[in-house]
């Protein structure tokens, strides 16, 4: 499963003013999401750890949600119906167990970025201020990600992205959409284990340290 993302390309022309590229985004950081507000596509910077307004122990805020159980858990049930988003990334990292160590791999498309399915929510404070947050959605791994582990972030193609964001999409269609989505990953390669540290930043995080594996 992926707990690290790379976001260094602007997905829209209009971006949050304080956004800066990040080659090693980890939970608890701020990251970009795309969401529909007032029927307009908006790029926003939010906290990567889902914090619904009723959550009191913020240490329990999850960074991911399993597609199979979204309808079953109060944490995700309402955002699934009302607050879906895309998380645009250049790529993401997956750690593969190799004996006593874990080797990080970087997964991406051959050209361009990848859209991950996500949920967002809003945490309002008594003084009228608030912050928004999100979680990515995972599913059983397919394609190239299945060579590294049992789960993967849900990656959506353009048609699936439109369905995911559309207000008119029936709630009953959302879970099948997530579970039936094929992996959009076309290329993966090992990277320096230094990316395991959140302090490791910069373009070199995504540089290969071994042979690349491409989609057959």
N, C-alpha and C. Protein backbone atom coordinates (compact mmCIF):
# COMPACT_ATOMS: atom_id res chain seq x y z
N UNK A 1 0.85 -1.19 0.00
CA UNK A 1 0.00 0.00 0.00
C UNK A 1 0.88 1.24 0.00
N UNK A 2 0.33 2.33 -0.47
CA UNK A 2 1.10 3.56 -0.60
C UNK A 2 0.75 4.54 0.50
N UNK A 3 1.78 4.99 1.22
CA UNK A 3 1.62 6.05 2.19
C UNK A 3 2.45 7.26 1.82
N UNK A 4 2.93 7.31 0.58
CA UNK A 4 3.71 8.45 0.10
C UNK A 4 3.32 8.75 -1.34
N UNK A 5 3.28 10.04 -1.65
CA UNK A 5 2.89 10.50 -2.98
C UNK A 5 3.91 11.52 -3.47
N UNK A 6 3.90 11.74 -4.78
CA UNK A 6 4.69 12.81 -5.40
C UNK A 6 3.73 13.75 -6.11
N UNK A 7 3.77 15.02 -5.75
CA UNK A 7 2.93 16.05 -6.38
C UNK A 7 3.84 17.23 -6.73
N UNK A 8 4.32 17.23 -7.94
CA UNK A 8 5.21 18.34 -8.33
C UNK A 8 4.77 19.03 -9.62
N UNK A 9 3.67 18.57 -10.21
CA UNK A 9 3.12 19.21 -11.42
C UNK A 9 1.77 19.82 -11.10
N UNK A 10 1.54 21.04 -11.54
CA UNK A 10 0.27 21.72 -11.29
C UNK A 10 -0.83 21.10 -12.15
N UNK A 11 -1.92 20.59 -11.56
CA UNK A 11 -2.99 19.96 -12.35
C UNK A 11 -3.91 20.94 -13.05
N UNK A 12 -3.99 22.16 -12.56
CA UNK A 12 -4.86 23.18 -13.16
C UNK A 12 -4.10 24.49 -13.30
N UNK A 13 -4.61 25.36 -14.14
CA UNK A 13 -3.96 26.67 -14.32
C UNK A 13 -4.08 27.51 -13.05
N UNK A 14 -5.24 27.45 -12.39
CA UNK A 14 -5.45 28.19 -11.16
C UNK A 14 -5.13 27.30 -9.97
N UNK A 15 -4.07 27.67 -9.24
CA UNK A 15 -3.57 26.86 -8.13
C UNK A 15 -3.61 27.66 -6.84
N UNK A 16 -3.69 26.97 -5.69
CA UNK A 16 -3.57 27.67 -4.41
C UNK A 16 -2.25 28.45 -4.36
N UNK A 17 -2.31 29.67 -3.86
CA UNK A 17 -1.14 30.54 -3.90
C UNK A 17 0.04 29.99 -3.09
N UNK A 18 -0.24 29.27 -2.01
CA UNK A 18 0.84 28.81 -1.14
C UNK A 18 1.33 27.41 -1.48
N UNK A 19 0.88 26.84 -2.62
CA UNK A 19 1.31 25.49 -2.97
C UNK A 19 2.74 25.48 -3.46
N UNK A 20 3.49 24.48 -3.03
CA UNK A 20 4.84 24.24 -3.53
C UNK A 20 4.97 22.78 -3.90
N UNK A 21 5.72 22.44 -4.94
CA UNK A 21 5.89 21.04 -5.34
C UNK A 21 6.49 20.22 -4.20
N UNK A 22 6.10 18.96 -4.13
CA UNK A 22 6.59 18.06 -3.10
C UNK A 22 6.78 16.68 -3.71
N UNK A 23 8.01 16.17 -3.62
CA UNK A 23 8.34 14.88 -4.23
C UNK A 23 8.21 13.72 -3.24
N UNK A 24 7.83 14.03 -2.01
CA UNK A 24 7.73 12.99 -0.98
C UNK A 24 6.67 13.40 0.04
N UNK A 25 5.41 13.40 -0.40
CA UNK A 25 4.30 13.81 0.46
C UNK A 25 3.92 12.64 1.37
N UNK A 26 3.83 12.90 2.66
CA UNK A 26 3.45 11.84 3.58
C UNK A 26 2.22 12.26 4.37
N UNK A 27 1.49 11.30 4.97
CA UNK A 27 0.31 11.64 5.76
C UNK A 27 0.63 12.70 6.81
N UNK A 28 -0.30 13.62 6.99
CA UNK A 28 -0.08 14.75 7.88
C UNK A 28 0.39 15.99 7.15
N UNK A 29 0.92 15.81 5.91
CA UNK A 29 1.27 16.95 5.07
C UNK A 29 0.02 17.51 4.41
N UNK A 30 0.19 18.64 3.73
CA UNK A 30 -0.87 19.19 2.90
C UNK A 30 -0.65 18.73 1.46
N UNK A 31 -1.73 18.42 0.77
CA UNK A 31 -1.63 17.97 -0.61
C UNK A 31 -2.80 18.52 -1.40
N UNK A 32 -2.69 18.42 -2.71
CA UNK A 32 -3.71 18.96 -3.61
C UNK A 32 -4.80 17.94 -3.88
N UNK A 33 -6.02 18.43 -3.94
CA UNK A 33 -7.14 17.60 -4.41
C UNK A 33 -7.91 18.39 -5.46
N UNK A 34 -8.63 17.66 -6.30
CA UNK A 34 -9.58 18.25 -7.24
C UNK A 34 -10.97 17.83 -6.80
N UNK A 35 -11.88 18.81 -6.68
CA UNK A 35 -13.24 18.52 -6.24
C UNK A 35 -14.21 19.46 -6.93
N UNK A 36 -15.47 19.04 -6.97
CA UNK A 36 -16.52 19.86 -7.54
C UNK A 36 -17.19 20.66 -6.41
N UNK A 37 -17.16 21.99 -6.52
CA UNK A 37 -17.87 22.87 -5.61
C UNK A 37 -18.70 23.83 -6.45
N UNK A 38 -20.01 23.86 -6.18
CA UNK A 38 -20.91 24.68 -6.98
C UNK A 38 -20.77 24.37 -8.47
N UNK A 39 -20.61 23.08 -8.76
CA UNK A 39 -20.53 22.55 -10.12
C UNK A 39 -19.27 23.00 -10.87
N UNK A 40 -18.31 23.58 -10.14
CA UNK A 40 -17.05 23.99 -10.75
C UNK A 40 -15.92 23.13 -10.20
N UNK A 41 -14.99 22.74 -11.08
CA UNK A 41 -13.83 21.97 -10.65
C UNK A 41 -12.84 22.89 -9.98
N UNK A 42 -12.47 22.56 -8.76
CA UNK A 42 -11.59 23.40 -7.95
C UNK A 42 -10.38 22.60 -7.49
N UNK A 43 -9.23 23.25 -7.49
CA UNK A 43 -8.01 22.65 -6.93
C UNK A 43 -7.78 23.27 -5.57
N UNK A 44 -7.74 22.45 -4.54
CA UNK A 44 -7.58 22.93 -3.16
C UNK A 44 -6.44 22.18 -2.49
N UNK A 45 -5.85 22.85 -1.52
CA UNK A 45 -4.80 22.23 -0.72
C UNK A 45 -5.38 21.86 0.65
N UNK A 46 -5.31 20.58 1.02
CA UNK A 46 -5.95 20.09 2.24
C UNK A 46 -4.98 19.21 3.02
N UNK A 47 -5.38 18.89 4.23
CA UNK A 47 -4.59 18.01 5.09
C UNK A 47 -4.77 16.56 4.64
N UNK A 48 -3.66 15.84 4.52
CA UNK A 48 -3.77 14.41 4.18
C UNK A 48 -3.89 13.60 5.46
N UNK A 49 -5.09 13.47 5.95
CA UNK A 49 -5.55 12.71 7.11
C UNK A 49 -7.00 13.13 7.29
N UNK A 50 -7.93 12.23 7.04
CA UNK A 50 -9.34 12.59 7.03
C UNK A 50 -9.83 12.92 8.44
N UNK A 51 -10.32 14.15 8.64
CA UNK A 51 -10.79 14.58 9.96
C UNK A 51 -12.22 15.11 9.85
N UNK A 52 -13.22 14.23 9.95
CA UNK A 52 -14.61 14.70 9.94
C UNK A 52 -14.88 15.59 11.15
N UNK A 53 -15.90 16.42 11.05
CA UNK A 53 -16.17 17.40 12.08
C UNK A 53 -16.45 16.83 13.45
N UNK A 54 -16.92 15.58 13.52
CA UNK A 54 -17.27 14.98 14.81
C UNK A 54 -16.08 14.28 15.48
N UNK A 55 -14.96 14.17 14.79
CA UNK A 55 -13.81 13.44 15.32
C UNK A 55 -13.16 14.25 16.45
N UNK A 56 -12.99 13.66 17.60
CA UNK A 56 -12.36 14.34 18.73
C UNK A 56 -10.91 13.92 18.94
N UNK A 57 -10.59 12.68 18.69
CA UNK A 57 -9.21 12.21 18.81
C UNK A 57 -8.58 12.27 17.42
N UNK A 58 -7.89 13.38 17.12
CA UNK A 58 -7.36 13.57 15.77
C UNK A 58 -6.23 12.60 15.45
N UNK A 59 -5.68 11.92 16.46
CA UNK A 59 -4.65 10.92 16.19
C UNK A 59 -5.24 9.70 15.47
N UNK A 60 -6.56 9.59 15.44
CA UNK A 60 -7.22 8.47 14.77
C UNK A 60 -7.60 8.80 13.33
N UNK A 61 -7.24 9.97 12.86
CA UNK A 61 -7.60 10.37 11.50
C UNK A 61 -6.87 9.48 10.49
N UNK A 62 -7.59 8.79 9.61
CA UNK A 62 -6.96 7.88 8.66
C UNK A 62 -6.50 8.60 7.40
N UNK A 63 -5.40 8.11 6.80
CA UNK A 63 -4.95 8.67 5.53
C UNK A 63 -5.47 7.87 4.35
N UNK A 64 -6.05 6.68 4.62
CA UNK A 64 -6.58 5.86 3.53
C UNK A 64 -7.86 5.16 3.99
N UNK A 65 -8.63 4.70 3.01
CA UNK A 65 -9.88 4.00 3.26
C UNK A 65 -10.00 2.84 2.29
N UNK A 66 -10.43 1.69 2.76
CA UNK A 66 -10.57 0.53 1.89
C UNK A 66 -11.90 0.58 1.15
N UNK A 67 -11.82 0.43 -0.16
CA UNK A 67 -13.02 0.56 -1.00
C UNK A 67 -14.11 -0.42 -0.60
N UNK A 68 -13.73 -1.60 -0.12
CA UNK A 68 -14.71 -2.63 0.20
C UNK A 68 -15.62 -2.24 1.36
N UNK A 69 -15.19 -1.31 2.22
CA UNK A 69 -15.93 -1.05 3.47
C UNK A 69 -16.41 0.41 3.59
N UNK A 70 -16.42 1.15 2.51
CA UNK A 70 -16.78 2.56 2.59
C UNK A 70 -18.22 2.76 3.06
N UNK A 71 -19.13 1.89 2.63
CA UNK A 71 -20.53 2.03 3.02
C UNK A 71 -20.75 1.61 4.48
N UNK A 72 -19.81 0.86 5.05
CA UNK A 72 -20.01 0.28 6.37
C UNK A 72 -19.52 1.18 7.50
N UNK A 73 -18.61 2.09 7.22
CA UNK A 73 -17.97 2.86 8.29
C UNK A 73 -18.47 4.30 8.31
N UNK A 74 -18.93 4.78 9.48
CA UNK A 74 -19.43 6.16 9.58
C UNK A 74 -18.40 7.20 9.13
N UNK A 75 -17.12 6.90 9.33
CA UNK A 75 -16.06 7.82 8.93
C UNK A 75 -16.11 8.15 7.44
N UNK A 76 -16.53 7.17 6.62
CA UNK A 76 -16.47 7.31 5.17
C UNK A 76 -17.83 7.36 4.48
N UNK A 77 -18.88 6.95 5.17
CA UNK A 77 -20.18 6.78 4.51
C UNK A 77 -20.71 8.09 3.92
N UNK A 78 -20.71 9.16 4.71
CA UNK A 78 -21.24 10.43 4.22
C UNK A 78 -20.31 11.08 3.19
N UNK A 79 -18.99 11.13 3.42
CA UNK A 79 -18.11 11.67 2.37
C UNK A 79 -18.22 10.91 1.04
N UNK A 80 -18.45 9.61 1.10
CA UNK A 80 -18.58 8.84 -0.14
C UNK A 80 -19.74 9.36 -0.98
N UNK A 81 -20.83 9.71 -0.33
CA UNK A 81 -22.02 10.17 -1.06
C UNK A 81 -21.91 11.65 -1.42
N UNK A 82 -21.30 12.46 -0.56
CA UNK A 82 -21.38 13.91 -0.73
C UNK A 82 -20.06 14.61 -1.01
N UNK A 83 -18.91 14.01 -0.68
CA UNK A 83 -17.65 14.74 -0.77
C UNK A 83 -16.54 13.87 -1.36
N UNK A 84 -16.70 13.56 -2.64
CA UNK A 84 -15.67 12.77 -3.34
C UNK A 84 -14.68 13.73 -4.01
N UNK A 85 -13.47 13.25 -4.17
CA UNK A 85 -12.45 14.08 -4.81
C UNK A 85 -11.47 13.21 -5.56
N UNK A 86 -10.63 13.85 -6.34
CA UNK A 86 -9.49 13.21 -6.98
C UNK A 86 -8.22 13.77 -6.36
N UNK A 87 -7.22 12.93 -6.24
CA UNK A 87 -5.91 13.36 -5.76
C UNK A 87 -4.95 13.24 -6.94
N UNK A 88 -4.61 14.34 -7.59
CA UNK A 88 -3.73 14.28 -8.77
C UNK A 88 -2.28 14.14 -8.33
N UNK A 89 -1.62 13.11 -8.79
CA UNK A 89 -0.22 12.87 -8.42
C UNK A 89 0.61 12.60 -9.66
N UNK A 90 1.88 12.89 -9.56
CA UNK A 90 2.81 12.49 -10.61
C UNK A 90 3.16 11.02 -10.48
N UNK A 91 3.09 10.51 -9.28
CA UNK A 91 3.36 9.11 -9.01
C UNK A 91 3.19 8.84 -7.53
N UNK A 92 3.36 7.58 -7.14
CA UNK A 92 3.28 7.24 -5.72
C UNK A 92 4.28 6.14 -5.42
N UNK A 93 4.56 5.98 -4.13
CA UNK A 93 5.57 5.01 -3.68
C UNK A 93 4.90 3.81 -3.02
N UNK A 94 5.48 2.65 -3.24
CA UNK A 94 5.05 1.43 -2.58
C UNK A 94 6.30 0.73 -2.04
N UNK A 95 6.23 0.23 -0.82
CA UNK A 95 7.36 -0.48 -0.21
C UNK A 95 7.15 -1.98 -0.35
N UNK A 96 8.14 -2.65 -0.90
CA UNK A 96 8.10 -4.10 -1.08
C UNK A 96 8.98 -4.78 -0.04
N UNK A 97 8.40 -5.73 0.67
CA UNK A 97 9.17 -6.47 1.67
C UNK A 97 10.19 -7.35 0.98
N UNK A 98 11.46 -7.20 1.35
CA UNK A 98 12.55 -8.02 0.82
C UNK A 98 13.39 -8.52 1.98
N UNK A 99 13.03 -9.70 2.49
CA UNK A 99 13.73 -10.23 3.65
C UNK A 99 13.47 -9.37 4.87
N UNK A 100 14.54 -8.85 5.47
CA UNK A 100 14.42 -8.03 6.67
C UNK A 100 14.26 -6.54 6.35
N UNK A 101 14.24 -6.18 5.09
CA UNK A 101 14.16 -4.77 4.72
C UNK A 101 13.01 -4.53 3.74
N UNK A 102 12.68 -3.27 3.58
CA UNK A 102 11.65 -2.89 2.63
C UNK A 102 12.25 -1.98 1.58
N UNK A 103 12.01 -2.30 0.32
CA UNK A 103 12.52 -1.53 -0.80
C UNK A 103 11.43 -0.64 -1.36
N UNK A 104 11.63 0.68 -1.38
CA UNK A 104 10.62 1.55 -1.98
C UNK A 104 10.68 1.53 -3.51
N UNK A 105 9.50 1.54 -4.12
CA UNK A 105 9.36 1.63 -5.57
C UNK A 105 8.52 2.85 -5.89
N UNK A 106 8.79 3.44 -7.05
CA UNK A 106 8.02 4.58 -7.52
C UNK A 106 7.20 4.12 -8.71
N UNK A 107 5.89 4.39 -8.67
CA UNK A 107 4.95 3.92 -9.70
C UNK A 107 4.31 5.12 -10.37
N UNK A 108 4.19 5.06 -11.70
CA UNK A 108 3.62 6.19 -12.44
C UNK A 108 3.15 5.73 -13.81
N UNK A 109 2.57 6.67 -14.56
CA UNK A 109 2.26 6.42 -15.95
C UNK A 109 3.52 6.68 -16.78
N UNK A 110 3.49 6.23 -18.02
CA UNK A 110 4.62 6.47 -18.90
C UNK A 110 4.82 7.97 -19.11
N UNK A 111 3.71 8.68 -19.34
CA UNK A 111 3.73 10.13 -19.51
C UNK A 111 2.52 10.71 -18.80
N UNK A 112 2.72 11.81 -18.11
CA UNK A 112 1.60 12.44 -17.43
C UNK A 112 1.37 11.89 -16.04
N UNK A 113 0.36 12.45 -15.37
CA UNK A 113 0.09 12.09 -13.99
C UNK A 113 -0.97 11.02 -13.84
N UNK A 114 -1.30 10.73 -12.59
CA UNK A 114 -2.28 9.71 -12.23
C UNK A 114 -3.30 10.35 -11.30
N UNK A 115 -4.57 9.99 -11.45
CA UNK A 115 -5.63 10.49 -10.58
C UNK A 115 -6.06 9.40 -9.61
N UNK A 116 -5.89 9.66 -8.32
CA UNK A 116 -6.30 8.72 -7.29
C UNK A 116 -7.69 9.10 -6.78
N UNK A 117 -8.50 8.11 -6.48
CA UNK A 117 -9.81 8.36 -5.89
C UNK A 117 -9.65 8.72 -4.43
N UNK A 118 -10.39 9.74 -3.99
CA UNK A 118 -10.29 10.16 -2.60
C UNK A 118 -11.60 10.68 -2.06
N UNK A 119 -11.62 10.91 -0.74
CA UNK A 119 -12.75 11.51 -0.04
C UNK A 119 -12.23 12.71 0.73
N UNK A 120 -13.06 13.74 0.87
CA UNK A 120 -12.65 14.88 1.67
C UNK A 120 -13.72 15.21 2.70
N UNK A 121 -13.33 15.95 3.72
CA UNK A 121 -14.27 16.35 4.75
C UNK A 121 -13.81 17.69 5.34
N UNK A 122 -14.66 18.26 6.19
CA UNK A 122 -14.38 19.59 6.76
C UNK A 122 -14.50 19.53 8.28
N UNK A 123 -13.51 20.13 8.95
CA UNK A 123 -13.49 20.20 10.40
C UNK A 123 -13.67 21.66 10.79
N UNK A 124 -14.82 21.99 11.37
CA UNK A 124 -15.14 23.36 11.72
C UNK A 124 -14.85 23.61 13.20
N UNK A 125 -14.26 24.76 13.50
CA UNK A 125 -13.96 25.17 14.87
C UNK A 125 -15.02 26.15 15.37
N UNK A 126 -15.05 26.34 16.68
CA UNK A 126 -16.08 27.19 17.28
C UNK A 126 -15.97 28.64 16.85
N UNK A 127 -14.78 29.07 16.45
CA UNK A 127 -14.61 30.47 16.07
C UNK A 127 -14.98 30.74 14.61
N UNK A 128 -15.53 29.74 13.94
CA UNK A 128 -15.96 29.91 12.56
C UNK A 128 -14.93 29.54 11.52
N UNK A 129 -13.70 29.25 11.95
CA UNK A 129 -12.67 28.80 11.01
C UNK A 129 -12.80 27.29 10.81
N UNK A 130 -12.13 26.79 9.80
CA UNK A 130 -12.20 25.36 9.51
C UNK A 130 -10.97 24.94 8.69
N UNK A 131 -10.77 23.63 8.61
CA UNK A 131 -9.81 23.11 7.66
C UNK A 131 -10.42 21.91 6.95
N UNK A 132 -9.97 21.67 5.74
CA UNK A 132 -10.42 20.52 4.96
C UNK A 132 -9.33 19.46 4.94
N UNK A 133 -9.75 18.23 4.79
CA UNK A 133 -8.82 17.10 4.82
C UNK A 133 -9.27 16.03 3.85
N UNK A 134 -8.44 15.03 3.63
CA UNK A 134 -8.80 13.98 2.68
C UNK A 134 -8.14 12.66 3.04
N UNK A 135 -8.62 11.61 2.41
CA UNK A 135 -8.03 10.28 2.47
C UNK A 135 -8.08 9.69 1.08
N UNK A 136 -7.06 8.93 0.72
CA UNK A 136 -7.11 8.20 -0.56
C UNK A 136 -7.79 6.87 -0.33
N UNK A 137 -8.28 6.28 -1.41
CA UNK A 137 -9.01 5.02 -1.34
C UNK A 137 -8.15 3.91 -1.94
N UNK A 138 -8.13 2.78 -1.26
CA UNK A 138 -7.35 1.63 -1.73
C UNK A 138 -8.27 0.48 -2.12
N UNK A 139 -7.72 -0.43 -2.93
CA UNK A 139 -8.44 -1.61 -3.38
C UNK A 139 -7.44 -2.74 -3.55
N UNK A 140 -7.90 -3.99 -3.70
CA UNK A 140 -6.96 -5.07 -3.99
C UNK A 140 -6.13 -4.74 -5.23
N UNK A 141 -4.84 -5.01 -5.15
CA UNK A 141 -3.90 -4.61 -6.19
C UNK A 141 -4.13 -5.39 -7.49
N UNK A 142 -3.95 -4.68 -8.61
CA UNK A 142 -4.02 -5.27 -9.94
C UNK A 142 -2.81 -4.78 -10.74
N UNK A 143 -2.55 -5.44 -11.86
CA UNK A 143 -1.52 -4.97 -12.76
C UNK A 143 -0.15 -4.91 -12.10
N UNK A 144 0.63 -3.88 -12.43
CA UNK A 144 1.98 -3.76 -11.88
C UNK A 144 1.99 -3.65 -10.36
N UNK A 145 1.10 -2.89 -9.73
CA UNK A 145 1.15 -2.81 -8.26
C UNK A 145 1.00 -4.15 -7.57
N UNK A 146 0.32 -5.11 -8.21
CA UNK A 146 0.13 -6.43 -7.60
C UNK A 146 1.45 -7.18 -7.46
N UNK A 147 2.48 -6.77 -8.18
CA UNK A 147 3.79 -7.41 -8.06
C UNK A 147 4.51 -6.99 -6.78
N UNK A 148 4.02 -5.93 -6.15
CA UNK A 148 4.70 -5.39 -4.97
C UNK A 148 3.96 -5.65 -3.68
N UNK A 149 2.64 -5.80 -3.73
CA UNK A 149 1.88 -5.98 -2.50
C UNK A 149 0.43 -6.29 -2.79
N UNK A 150 -0.36 -6.38 -1.72
CA UNK A 150 -1.74 -6.84 -1.84
C UNK A 150 -2.72 -5.72 -2.16
N UNK A 151 -2.35 -4.46 -1.89
CA UNK A 151 -3.29 -3.37 -2.09
C UNK A 151 -2.63 -2.24 -2.88
N UNK A 152 -3.48 -1.38 -3.43
CA UNK A 152 -3.00 -0.24 -4.22
C UNK A 152 -3.97 0.92 -4.06
N UNK A 153 -3.53 2.15 -4.26
CA UNK A 153 -4.48 3.25 -4.38
C UNK A 153 -5.33 3.05 -5.63
N UNK A 154 -6.59 3.42 -5.54
CA UNK A 154 -7.48 3.32 -6.71
C UNK A 154 -7.11 4.43 -7.68
N UNK A 155 -6.72 4.06 -8.90
CA UNK A 155 -6.39 5.01 -9.96
C UNK A 155 -7.48 4.97 -11.01
N UNK A 156 -7.95 6.14 -11.42
CA UNK A 156 -9.10 6.22 -12.32
C UNK A 156 -8.70 6.79 -13.67
N UNK A 157 -9.27 6.21 -14.74
CA UNK A 157 -9.07 6.79 -16.07
C UNK A 157 -10.01 7.99 -16.23
N UNK A 158 -9.94 8.67 -17.37
CA UNK A 158 -10.68 9.92 -17.53
C UNK A 158 -12.20 9.73 -17.40
N UNK A 159 -12.72 8.67 -18.00
CA UNK A 159 -14.15 8.42 -17.90
C UNK A 159 -14.57 8.14 -16.46
N UNK A 160 -13.77 7.34 -15.77
CA UNK A 160 -14.07 7.01 -14.38
C UNK A 160 -13.95 8.25 -13.48
N UNK A 161 -13.00 9.13 -13.79
CA UNK A 161 -12.87 10.36 -13.01
C UNK A 161 -14.15 11.20 -13.09
N UNK A 162 -14.70 11.32 -14.29
CA UNK A 162 -15.92 12.11 -14.47
C UNK A 162 -17.09 11.50 -13.70
N UNK A 163 -17.21 10.18 -13.74
CA UNK A 163 -18.28 9.51 -13.01
C UNK A 163 -18.10 9.70 -11.50
N UNK A 164 -16.88 9.58 -11.04
CA UNK A 164 -16.57 9.69 -9.61
C UNK A 164 -16.93 11.07 -9.06
N UNK A 165 -16.68 12.11 -9.83
CA UNK A 165 -16.93 13.48 -9.36
C UNK A 165 -18.37 13.94 -9.59
N UNK A 166 -19.11 13.27 -10.46
CA UNK A 166 -20.44 13.75 -10.84
C UNK A 166 -21.44 13.62 -9.69
N UNK A 167 -22.19 14.69 -9.44
CA UNK A 167 -23.22 14.65 -8.41
C UNK A 167 -24.31 13.65 -8.74
N UNK A 168 -24.53 13.43 -10.02
CA UNK A 168 -25.63 12.57 -10.45
C UNK A 168 -25.33 11.08 -10.31
N UNK A 169 -24.09 10.71 -10.02
CA UNK A 169 -23.75 9.30 -9.90
C UNK A 169 -24.44 8.67 -8.71
N UNK A 170 -25.14 7.56 -8.95
CA UNK A 170 -25.87 6.89 -7.87
C UNK A 170 -24.90 6.33 -6.84
N UNK A 171 -25.19 6.48 -5.55
CA UNK A 171 -24.31 5.93 -4.52
C UNK A 171 -24.03 4.44 -4.70
N UNK A 172 -25.02 3.71 -5.20
CA UNK A 172 -24.84 2.27 -5.39
C UNK A 172 -23.82 1.94 -6.47
N UNK A 173 -23.50 2.92 -7.33
CA UNK A 173 -22.55 2.68 -8.42
C UNK A 173 -21.11 2.99 -8.01
N UNK A 174 -20.91 3.61 -6.86
CA UNK A 174 -19.58 4.10 -6.50
C UNK A 174 -18.62 2.98 -6.12
N UNK A 175 -19.08 2.06 -5.29
CA UNK A 175 -18.19 0.98 -4.87
C UNK A 175 -17.79 0.08 -6.05
N UNK A 176 -18.72 -0.32 -6.92
CA UNK A 176 -18.31 -1.10 -8.09
C UNK A 176 -17.33 -0.34 -8.98
N UNK A 177 -17.51 0.96 -9.09
CA UNK A 177 -16.57 1.76 -9.89
C UNK A 177 -15.16 1.63 -9.34
N UNK A 178 -15.02 1.74 -8.03
CA UNK A 178 -13.70 1.67 -7.40
C UNK A 178 -13.08 0.28 -7.53
N UNK A 179 -13.87 -0.73 -7.28
CA UNK A 179 -13.33 -2.09 -7.26
C UNK A 179 -13.06 -2.63 -8.66
N UNK A 180 -13.75 -2.11 -9.66
CA UNK A 180 -13.54 -2.58 -11.03
C UNK A 180 -12.51 -1.77 -11.79
N UNK A 181 -12.06 -0.67 -11.22
CA UNK A 181 -11.09 0.18 -11.92
C UNK A 181 -9.75 -0.54 -12.08
N UNK A 182 -9.23 -0.53 -13.30
CA UNK A 182 -7.92 -1.11 -13.55
C UNK A 182 -6.82 -0.16 -13.09
N UNK A 183 -5.67 -0.70 -12.79
CA UNK A 183 -4.54 0.15 -12.43
C UNK A 183 -4.10 0.96 -13.65
N UNK A 184 -3.85 2.25 -13.43
CA UNK A 184 -3.35 3.11 -14.50
C UNK A 184 -1.82 3.19 -14.51
N UNK A 185 -1.18 2.43 -13.63
CA UNK A 185 0.29 2.43 -13.56
C UNK A 185 0.86 1.71 -14.77
N UNK A 186 1.78 2.35 -15.46
CA UNK A 186 2.42 1.76 -16.64
C UNK A 186 3.91 1.51 -16.46
N UNK A 187 4.47 2.05 -15.37
CA UNK A 187 5.92 1.99 -15.18
C UNK A 187 6.22 2.05 -13.68
N UNK A 188 7.19 1.24 -13.24
CA UNK A 188 7.62 1.32 -11.85
C UNK A 188 9.09 0.93 -11.77
N UNK A 189 9.76 1.50 -10.76
CA UNK A 189 11.19 1.20 -10.59
C UNK A 189 11.59 1.47 -9.14
N UNK A 190 12.65 0.78 -8.66
CA UNK A 190 13.11 1.01 -7.29
C UNK A 190 13.76 2.39 -7.16
N UNK A 191 13.64 2.97 -5.96
CA UNK A 191 14.26 4.26 -5.67
C UNK A 191 15.06 4.14 -4.38
N UNK A 192 15.78 5.19 -4.07
CA UNK A 192 16.64 5.20 -2.90
C UNK A 192 15.84 5.02 -1.61
N UNK A 193 16.24 4.10 -0.73
CA UNK A 193 15.52 3.91 0.53
C UNK A 193 15.46 5.16 1.40
N UNK A 194 16.24 6.18 1.06
CA UNK A 194 16.18 7.43 1.83
C UNK A 194 14.81 8.08 1.78
N UNK A 195 13.99 7.75 0.76
CA UNK A 195 12.65 8.34 0.69
C UNK A 195 11.76 7.84 1.83
N UNK A 196 12.20 6.81 2.55
CA UNK A 196 11.45 6.34 3.71
C UNK A 196 11.38 7.40 4.80
N UNK A 197 12.33 8.32 4.79
CA UNK A 197 12.32 9.43 5.73
C UNK A 197 11.54 10.60 5.15
N UNK A 198 10.56 11.13 5.88
CA UNK A 198 9.82 12.30 5.37
C UNK A 198 10.71 13.52 5.15
N UNK A 199 11.88 13.53 5.78
CA UNK A 199 12.79 14.66 5.62
C UNK A 199 13.47 14.67 4.25
N UNK A 200 13.44 13.54 3.56
CA UNK A 200 14.07 13.46 2.24
C UNK A 200 13.16 14.12 1.22
N UNK A 201 13.64 15.17 0.59
CA UNK A 201 12.84 15.95 -0.34
C UNK A 201 13.65 16.24 -1.60
N UNK A 202 12.94 16.61 -2.66
CA UNK A 202 13.60 17.01 -3.89
C UNK A 202 13.35 16.05 -5.03
N UNK A 203 13.64 16.47 -6.26
CA UNK A 203 13.40 15.64 -7.45
C UNK A 203 14.12 14.30 -7.43
N UNK A 204 15.24 14.22 -6.71
CA UNK A 204 15.99 12.97 -6.69
C UNK A 204 15.21 11.84 -6.02
N UNK A 205 14.14 12.17 -5.27
CA UNK A 205 13.33 11.12 -4.64
C UNK A 205 12.78 10.14 -5.68
N UNK A 206 12.50 10.64 -6.88
CA UNK A 206 11.86 9.84 -7.92
C UNK A 206 12.87 9.22 -8.89
N UNK A 207 14.16 9.39 -8.64
CA UNK A 207 15.18 8.85 -9.55
C UNK A 207 15.32 7.34 -9.38
N UNK A 208 15.38 6.59 -10.47
CA UNK A 208 15.52 5.13 -10.35
C UNK A 208 16.89 4.72 -9.84
N UNK A 209 16.90 3.66 -9.06
CA UNK A 209 18.17 3.07 -8.59
C UNK A 209 18.33 1.64 -9.11
N UNK A 210 17.45 1.24 -10.01
CA UNK A 210 17.51 -0.11 -10.57
C UNK A 210 16.70 -0.15 -11.85
N UNK A 211 16.54 -1.33 -12.40
CA UNK A 211 15.84 -1.51 -13.68
C UNK A 211 14.34 -1.22 -13.54
N UNK A 212 13.79 -0.57 -14.52
CA UNK A 212 12.37 -0.27 -14.55
C UNK A 212 11.58 -1.47 -15.04
N UNK A 213 10.36 -1.60 -14.53
CA UNK A 213 9.43 -2.64 -14.97
C UNK A 213 8.27 -1.92 -15.67
N UNK A 214 7.99 -2.31 -16.88
CA UNK A 214 6.93 -1.66 -17.68
C UNK A 214 5.77 -2.61 -17.88
N UNK A 215 4.61 -2.00 -18.13
CA UNK A 215 3.42 -2.78 -18.39
C UNK A 215 3.61 -3.58 -19.66
N UNK A 216 3.31 -4.86 -19.62
CA UNK A 216 3.47 -5.72 -20.81
C UNK A 216 2.48 -5.33 -21.89
